[in-house]
Amino acid sequence: MDRMTRTGFLRGAAAGGAAVAAGGAVAWLAAPAAAAPNEQDLAWVRFAITAEAVSVAYYARARGVGGWTGDERRTLERATATQVVHRNAFRKALVDLNEPVIDPADIEIELPDEAFASRSAAITLGRRIESLLLHGYLGALTTISDSTVRRLFAQVSASESAQLTWLAGLQGRVITEPFPSVHGIGTAADALAEYLP
């Protein structure tokens, strides 16, 4: 598989969004349960694989920043492992949809060096990434037609919410959004592209 760059990623996300605009949402209402996956579902799964790869890279790199307590460093290690499990579950979902798997080595990730200059900066970047994942996954839940894939997004959303809450707590901030924003694939892909060269 070719390496995934910002341009390739955005092109794929746009194709998924266009499928919905062209009637994918209406097709979902009439399609039988065993129908082939639609482009919107595939776009969201590809987005999730890429987003989880960005998150894995973040947590792995954040562990190297000074200033963490022992408990915080262990939580970062568990968070890294959790993100790997998420990424692999989305990769399996793509295979189950009879699509070629995306190899993590094919995803180029570029995180800003200054975000790892201090514990505080690392937490801020982590919150941005976790917020992106959560808001994107909530958007996916509103459009995905495959019930198995939708369930996976729901489960991972709950996990991402817990990780976001933990990061926010490190900065002494309580999450107060009673209704978090829900990103469509275009908005989510644009935000994720910031971390792809």
C-alpha atoms as a PDB file:
ATOM      1  CA  MET A   1       0.000   0.000   0.000  1.00  0.00           C
ATOM      2  CA  ASP A   2       1.210   3.544  -0.695  1.00  0.00           C
ATOM      3  CA  ARG A   3       2.177   5.693   2.268  1.00  0.00           C
ATOM      4  CA  MET A   4      -0.717   7.769   3.532  1.00  0.00           C
ATOM      5  CA  THR A   5      -0.082  11.483   3.277  1.00  0.00           C
ATOM      6  CA  ARG A   6      -2.292  14.460   4.026  1.00  0.00           C
ATOM      7  CA  THR A   7      -3.372  14.762   0.376  1.00  0.00           C
ATOM      8  CA  GLY A   8      -4.226  11.078   0.047  1.00  0.00           C
ATOM      9  CA  PHE A   9      -6.062  11.050   3.336  1.00  0.00           C
ATOM     10  CA  LEU A  10      -8.164  14.105   2.483  1.00  0.00           C
ATOM     11  CA  ARG A  11      -8.942  12.726  -0.975  1.00  0.00           C
ATOM     12  CA  GLY A  12     -10.278   9.507   0.595  1.00  0.00           C
ATOM     13  CA  ALA A  13     -12.313  11.376   3.193  1.00  0.00           C
ATOM     14  CA  ALA A  14     -13.817  13.602   0.528  1.00  0.00           C
ATOM     15  CA  ALA A  15     -14.874  10.554  -1.477  1.00  0.00           C
ATOM     16  CA  GLY A  16     -16.721   9.187   1.560  1.00  0.00           C
ATOM     17  CA  GLY A  17     -18.455  12.504   2.152  1.00  0.00           C
ATOM     18  CA  ALA A  18     -19.453  12.754  -1.487  1.00  0.00           C
ATOM     19  CA  ALA A  19     -21.042   9.322  -1.309  1.00  0.00           C
ATOM     20  CA  VAL A  20     -23.403  10.532   1.391  1.00  0.00           C
ATOM     21  CA  ALA A  21     -24.137  13.751  -0.450  1.00  0.00           C
ATOM     22  CA  ALA A  22     -24.997  11.711  -3.538  1.00  0.00           C
ATOM     23  CA  GLY A  23     -27.619   9.678  -1.740  1.00  0.00           C
ATOM     24  CA  GLY A  24     -25.718   7.384   0.607  1.00  0.00           C
ATOM     25  CA  ALA A  25     -27.885   8.470   3.515  1.00  0.00           C
ATOM     26  CA  VAL A  26     -31.058   7.549   1.628  1.00  0.00           C
ATOM     27  CA  ALA A  27     -29.534   4.243   0.512  1.00  0.00           C
ATOM     28  CA  TRP A  28     -28.897   3.371   4.156  1.00  0.00           C
ATOM     29  CA  LEU A  29     -32.641   3.424   4.835  1.00  0.00           C
ATOM     30  CA  ALA A  30     -33.440   1.034   1.993  1.00  0.00           C
ATOM     31  CA  ALA A  31     -30.352  -1.204   1.963  1.00  0.00           C
ATOM     32  CA  PRO A  32     -30.556  -4.772   3.228  1.00  0.00           C
ATOM     33  CA  ALA A  33     -28.439  -5.629   6.287  1.00  0.00           C
ATOM     34  CA  ALA A  34     -25.989  -7.732   4.255  1.00  0.00           C
ATOM     35  CA  ALA A  35     -25.349  -5.078   1.624  1.00  0.00           C
ATOM     36  CA  ALA A  36     -21.806  -4.155   0.663  1.00  0.00           C
ATOM     37  CA  PRO A  37     -20.317  -1.422   2.827  1.00  0.00           C
ATOM     38  CA  ASN A  38     -20.941   2.084   1.624  1.00  0.00           C
ATOM     39  CA  GLU A  39     -18.188   4.612   1.013  1.00  0.00           C
ATOM     40  CA  GLN A  40     -19.181   6.650   4.060  1.00  0.00           C
ATOM     41  CA  ASP A  41     -18.631   3.685   6.387  1.00  0.00           C
ATOM     42  CA  LEU A  42     -15.299   2.921   4.740  1.00  0.00           C
ATOM     43  CA  ALA A  43     -14.198   6.562   4.962  1.00  0.00           C
ATOM     44  CA  TRP A  44     -14.939   6.627   8.684  1.00  0.00           C
ATOM     45  CA  VAL A  45     -13.050   3.380   9.332  1.00  0.00           C
ATOM     46  CA  ARG A  46     -10.050   4.673   7.367  1.00  0.00           C
ATOM     47  CA  PHE A  47     -10.262   7.938   9.324  1.00  0.00           C
ATOM     48  CA  ALA A  48     -10.296   5.986  12.600  1.00  0.00           C
ATOM     49  CA  ILE A  49      -7.252   3.899  11.655  1.00  0.00           C
ATOM     50  CA  THR A  50      -5.336   7.061  10.822  1.00  0.00           C
ATOM     51  CA  ALA A  51      -6.591   8.919  13.910  1.00  0.00           C
ATOM     52  CA  GLU A  52      -5.648   6.047  16.196  1.00  0.00           C
ATOM     53  CA  ALA A  53      -2.177   5.941  14.603  1.00  0.00           C
ATOM     54  CA  VAL A  54      -1.775   9.635  15.431  1.00  0.00           C
ATOM     55  CA  SER A  55      -2.928   8.955  18.980  1.00  0.00           C
ATOM     56  CA  VAL A  56      -0.513   6.021  19.386  1.00  0.00           C
ATOM     57  CA  ALA A  57       2.335   8.247  18.193  1.00  0.00           C
ATOM     58  CA  TYR A  58       1.286  10.980  20.623  1.00  0.00           C
ATOM     59  CA  TYR A  59       1.143   8.723  23.696  1.00  0.00           C
ATOM     60  CA  ALA A  60       4.410   6.983  22.813  1.00  0.00           C
ATOM     61  CA  ARG A  61       6.181  10.311  22.448  1.00  0.00           C
ATOM     62  CA  ALA A  62       4.499  11.933  25.471  1.00  0.00           C
ATOM     63  CA  ARG A  63       5.914   9.210  27.728  1.00  0.00           C
ATOM     64  CA  GLY A  64       9.385  10.606  26.984  1.00  0.00           C
ATOM     65  CA  VAL A  65       8.535  14.059  28.308  1.00  0.00           C
ATOM     66  CA  GLY A  66       9.831  14.884  31.795  1.00  0.00           C
ATOM     67  CA  GLY A  67       7.660  15.852  34.728  1.00  0.00           C
ATOM     68  CA  TRP A  68       5.201  12.937  34.852  1.00  0.00           C
ATOM     69  CA  THR A  69       4.601  11.166  38.126  1.00  0.00           C
ATOM     70  CA  GLY A  70       5.064   7.394  38.194  1.00  0.00           C
ATOM     71  CA  ASP A  71       1.288   6.861  38.120  1.00  0.00           C
ATOM     72  CA  GLU A  72       0.872   9.294  35.216  1.00  0.00           C
ATOM     73  CA  ARG A  73       3.636   7.569  33.227  1.00  0.00           C
ATOM     74  CA  ARG A  74       1.968   4.170  33.799  1.00  0.00           C
ATOM     75  CA  THR A  75      -1.356   5.639  32.670  1.00  0.00           C
ATOM     76  CA  LEU A  76       0.330   6.943  29.503  1.00  0.00           C
ATOM     77  CA  GLU A  77       1.676   3.438  28.875  1.00  0.00           C
ATOM     78  CA  ARG A  78      -1.812   1.963  29.297  1.00  0.00           C
ATOM     79  CA  ALA A  79      -3.226   4.683  27.034  1.00  0.00           C
ATOM     80  CA  THR A  80      -0.684   3.779  24.348  1.00  0.00           C
ATOM     81  CA  ALA A  81      -1.713   0.122  24.591  1.00  0.00           C
ATOM     82  CA  THR A  82      -5.396   1.090  24.478  1.00  0.00           C
ATOM     83  CA  GLN A  83      -4.894   3.145  21.316  1.00  0.00           C
ATOM     84  CA  VAL A  84      -3.076   0.205  19.680  1.00  0.00           C
ATOM     85  CA  VAL A  85      -6.054  -2.034  20.532  1.00  0.00           C
ATOM     86  CA  HIS A  86      -8.425   0.561  19.006  1.00  0.00           C
ATOM     87  CA  ARG A  87      -6.303   0.876  15.861  1.00  0.00           C
ATOM     88  CA  ASN A  88      -6.158  -2.892  15.438  1.00  0.00           C
ATOM     89  CA  ALA A  89      -9.929  -3.224  15.945  1.00  0.00           C
ATOM     90  CA  PHE A  90     -10.554  -0.665  13.207  1.00  0.00           C
ATOM     91  CA  ARG A  91      -8.037  -2.441  10.955  1.00  0.00           C
ATOM     92  CA  LYS A  92      -9.949  -5.687  11.532  1.00  0.00           C
ATOM     93  CA  ALA A  93     -13.222  -3.907  10.759  1.00  0.00           C
ATOM     94  CA  LEU A  94     -11.778  -2.806   7.421  1.00  0.00           C
ATOM     95  CA  VAL A  95     -10.753  -6.391   6.613  1.00  0.00           C
ATOM     96  CA  ASP A  96     -14.204  -7.622   7.684  1.00  0.00           C
ATOM     97  CA  LEU A  97     -15.662  -5.157   5.177  1.00  0.00           C
ATOM     98  CA  ASN A  98     -13.534  -6.880   2.488  1.00  0.00           C
ATOM     99  CA  GLU A  99     -11.241  -3.902   2.065  1.00  0.00           C
ATOM    100  CA  PRO A 100      -7.443  -3.875   1.994  1.00  0.00           C
ATOM    101  CA  VAL A 101      -5.935  -3.315   5.416  1.00  0.00           C
ATOM    102  CA  ILE A 102      -3.981  -0.158   6.177  1.00  0.00           C
ATOM    103  CA  ASP A 103      -0.556  -0.919   7.625  1.00  0.00           C
ATOM    104  CA  PRO A 104       0.416   1.492  10.433  1.00  0.00           C
ATOM    105  CA  ALA A 105       3.858   1.811   8.799  1.00  0.00           C
ATOM    106  CA  ASP A 106       2.116   3.352   5.783  1.00  0.00           C
ATOM    107  CA  ILE A 107       0.807   6.305   7.792  1.00  0.00           C
ATOM    108  CA  GLU A 108       3.167   9.249   8.042  1.00  0.00           C
ATOM    109  CA  ILE A 109       2.640  11.258  11.220  1.00  0.00           C
ATOM    110  CA  GLU A 110       4.056  14.650  12.057  1.00  0.00           C
ATOM    111  CA  LEU A 111       3.543  15.920  15.597  1.00  0.00           C
ATOM    112  CA  PRO A 112       4.857  19.383  16.550  1.00  0.00           C
ATOM    113  CA  ASP A 113       8.133  19.227  18.490  1.00  0.00           C
ATOM    114  CA  GLU A 114       7.139  22.150  20.710  1.00  0.00           C
ATOM    115  CA  ALA A 115       4.196  20.097  22.007  1.00  0.00           C
ATOM    116  CA  PHE A 116       6.689  17.834  23.773  1.00  0.00           C
ATOM    117  CA  ALA A 117       8.831  20.578  25.322  1.00  0.00           C
ATOM    118  CA  SER A 118       7.013  20.295  28.649  1.00  0.00           C
ATOM    119  CA  ARG A 119       4.430  18.217  30.481  1.00  0.00           C
ATOM    120  CA  SER A 120       1.869  21.014  30.123  1.00  0.00           C
ATOM    121  CA  ALA A 121       2.423  21.326  26.370  1.00  0.00           C
ATOM    122  CA  ALA A 122       2.149  17.550  25.963  1.00  0.00           C
ATOM    123  CA  ILE A 123      -1.128  17.477  27.889  1.00  0.00           C
ATOM    124  CA  THR A 124      -2.525  20.290  25.728  1.00  0.00           C
ATOM    125  CA  LEU A 125      -1.692  18.404  22.523  1.00  0.00           C
ATOM    126  CA  GLY A 126      -3.122  15.191  23.966  1.00  0.00           C
ATOM    127  CA  ARG A 127      -6.375  16.943  24.761  1.00  0.00           C
ATOM    128  CA  ARG A 128      -6.562  18.318  21.205  1.00  0.00           C
ATOM    129  CA  ILE A 129      -5.980  14.878  19.699  1.00  0.00           C
ATOM    130  CA  GLU A 130      -8.407  13.098  22.041  1.00  0.00           C
ATOM    131  CA  SER A 131     -11.041  15.793  21.399  1.00  0.00           C
ATOM    132  CA  LEU A 132     -10.593  15.332  17.653  1.00  0.00           C
ATOM    133  CA  LEU A 133     -11.063  11.580  17.971  1.00  0.00           C
ATOM    134  CA  LEU A 134     -14.092  11.883  20.223  1.00  0.00           C
ATOM    135  CA  HIS A 135     -15.873  14.527  18.130  1.00  0.00           C
ATOM    136  CA  GLY A 136     -15.082  12.644  14.934  1.00  0.00           C
ATOM    137  CA  TYR A 137     -16.285   9.336  16.307  1.00  0.00           C
ATOM    138  CA  LEU A 138     -19.503  10.929  17.521  1.00  0.00           C
ATOM    139  CA  GLY A 139     -19.995  12.163  13.960  1.00  0.00           C
ATOM    140  CA  ALA A 140     -19.355   8.665  12.651  1.00  0.00           C
ATOM    141  CA  LEU A 141     -22.084   7.322  14.915  1.00  0.00           C
ATOM    142  CA  THR A 142     -24.614   9.573  13.170  1.00  0.00           C
ATOM    143  CA  THR A 143     -23.839   8.292   9.667  1.00  0.00           C
ATOM    144  CA  ILE A 144     -22.472   4.735   9.771  1.00  0.00           C
ATOM    145  CA  SER A 145     -24.947   2.198   8.429  1.00  0.00           C
ATOM    146  CA  ASP A 146     -23.186  -1.056   9.396  1.00  0.00           C
ATOM    147  CA  SER A 147     -24.321  -1.962  12.918  1.00  0.00           C
ATOM    148  CA  THR A 148     -21.121  -3.836  13.814  1.00  0.00           C
ATOM    149  CA  VAL A 149     -18.952  -0.903  12.802  1.00  0.00           C
ATOM    150  CA  ARG A 150     -21.300   1.541  14.544  1.00  0.00           C
ATOM    151  CA  ARG A 151     -20.998  -0.503  17.761  1.00  0.00           C
ATOM    152  CA  LEU A 152     -17.187  -0.392  17.512  1.00  0.00           C
ATOM    153  CA  PHE A 153     -17.268   3.395  17.148  1.00  0.00           C
ATOM    154  CA  ALA A 154     -19.581   3.648  20.174  1.00  0.00           C
ATOM    155  CA  GLN A 155     -17.279   1.526  22.329  1.00  0.00           C
ATOM    156  CA  VAL A 156     -14.153   3.393  21.256  1.00  0.00           C
ATOM    157  CA  SER A 157     -15.914   6.745  21.802  1.00  0.00           C
ATOM    158  CA  ALA A 158     -16.502   5.823  25.443  1.00  0.00           C
ATOM    159  CA  SER A 159     -12.827   4.942  25.835  1.00  0.00           C
ATOM    160  CA  GLU A 160     -11.658   8.160  24.151  1.00  0.00           C
ATOM    161  CA  SER A 161     -13.946  10.144  26.428  1.00  0.00           C
ATOM    162  CA  ALA A 162     -12.312   8.553  29.480  1.00  0.00           C
ATOM    163  CA  GLN A 163      -8.836   9.341  28.166  1.00  0.00           C
ATOM    164  CA  LEU A 164      -9.823  12.930  27.387  1.00  0.00           C
ATOM    165  CA  THR A 165     -11.254  13.306  30.892  1.00  0.00           C
ATOM    166  CA  TRP A 166      -8.008  12.006  32.416  1.00  0.00           C
ATOM    167  CA  LEU A 167      -5.906  14.463  30.386  1.00  0.00           C
ATOM    168  CA  ALA A 168      -8.230  17.347  31.259  1.00  0.00           C
ATOM    169  CA  GLY A 169      -7.974  16.425  34.937  1.00  0.00           C
ATOM    170  CA  LEU A 170      -4.186  16.739  34.750  1.00  0.00           C
ATOM    171  CA  GLN A 171      -4.678  20.409  33.923  1.00  0.00           C
ATOM    172  CA  GLY A 172      -7.293  20.810  36.653  1.00  0.00           C
ATOM    173  CA  ARG A 173     -10.079  21.417  34.152  1.00  0.00           C
ATOM    174  CA  VAL A 174     -13.432  19.716  34.193  1.00  0.00           C
ATOM    175  CA  ILE A 175     -15.110  18.963  30.898  1.00  0.00           C
ATOM    176  CA  THR A 176     -18.318  20.977  30.911  1.00  0.00           C
ATOM    177  CA  GLU A 177     -19.726  20.411  27.440  1.00  0.00           C
ATOM    178  CA  PRO A 178     -23.215  19.007  27.978  1.00  0.00           C
ATOM    179  CA  PHE A 179     -23.479  18.298  24.232  1.00  0.00           C
ATOM    180  CA  PRO A 180     -20.056  17.842  22.591  1.00  0.00           C
ATOM    181  CA  SER A 181     -19.814  18.940  18.978  1.00  0.00           C
ATOM    182  CA  VAL A 182     -20.239  16.275  16.336  1.00  0.00           C
ATOM    183  CA  HIS A 183     -17.869  16.430  13.363  1.00  0.00           C
ATOM    184  CA  GLY A 184     -18.732  15.256   9.889  1.00  0.00           C
ATOM    185  CA  ILE A 185     -16.079  13.350   7.948  1.00  0.00           C
ATOM    186  CA  GLY A 186     -14.876  16.494   6.155  1.00  0.00           C
ATOM    187  CA  THR A 187     -14.373  18.522   9.336  1.00  0.00           C
ATOM    188  CA  ALA A 188     -12.779  15.590  11.160  1.00  0.00           C
ATOM    189  CA  ALA A 189     -10.462  14.803   8.236  1.00  0.00           C
ATOM    190  CA  ASP A 190      -9.382  18.443   7.925  1.00  0.00           C
ATOM    191  CA  ALA A 191      -8.516  18.533  11.637  1.00  0.00           C
ATOM    192  CA  LEU A 192      -6.635  15.219  11.466  1.00  0.00           C
ATOM    193  CA  ALA A 193      -4.668  16.335   8.410  1.00  0.00           C
ATOM    194  CA  GLU A 194      -2.780  18.752  10.663  1.00  0.00           C
ATOM    195  CA  TYR A 195      -0.803  15.737  11.930  1.00  0.00           C
ATOM    196  CA  LEU A 196      -0.034  14.269   8.496  1.00  0.00           C
ATOM    197  CA  PRO A 197       2.823  15.643   6.355  1.00  0.00           C
END
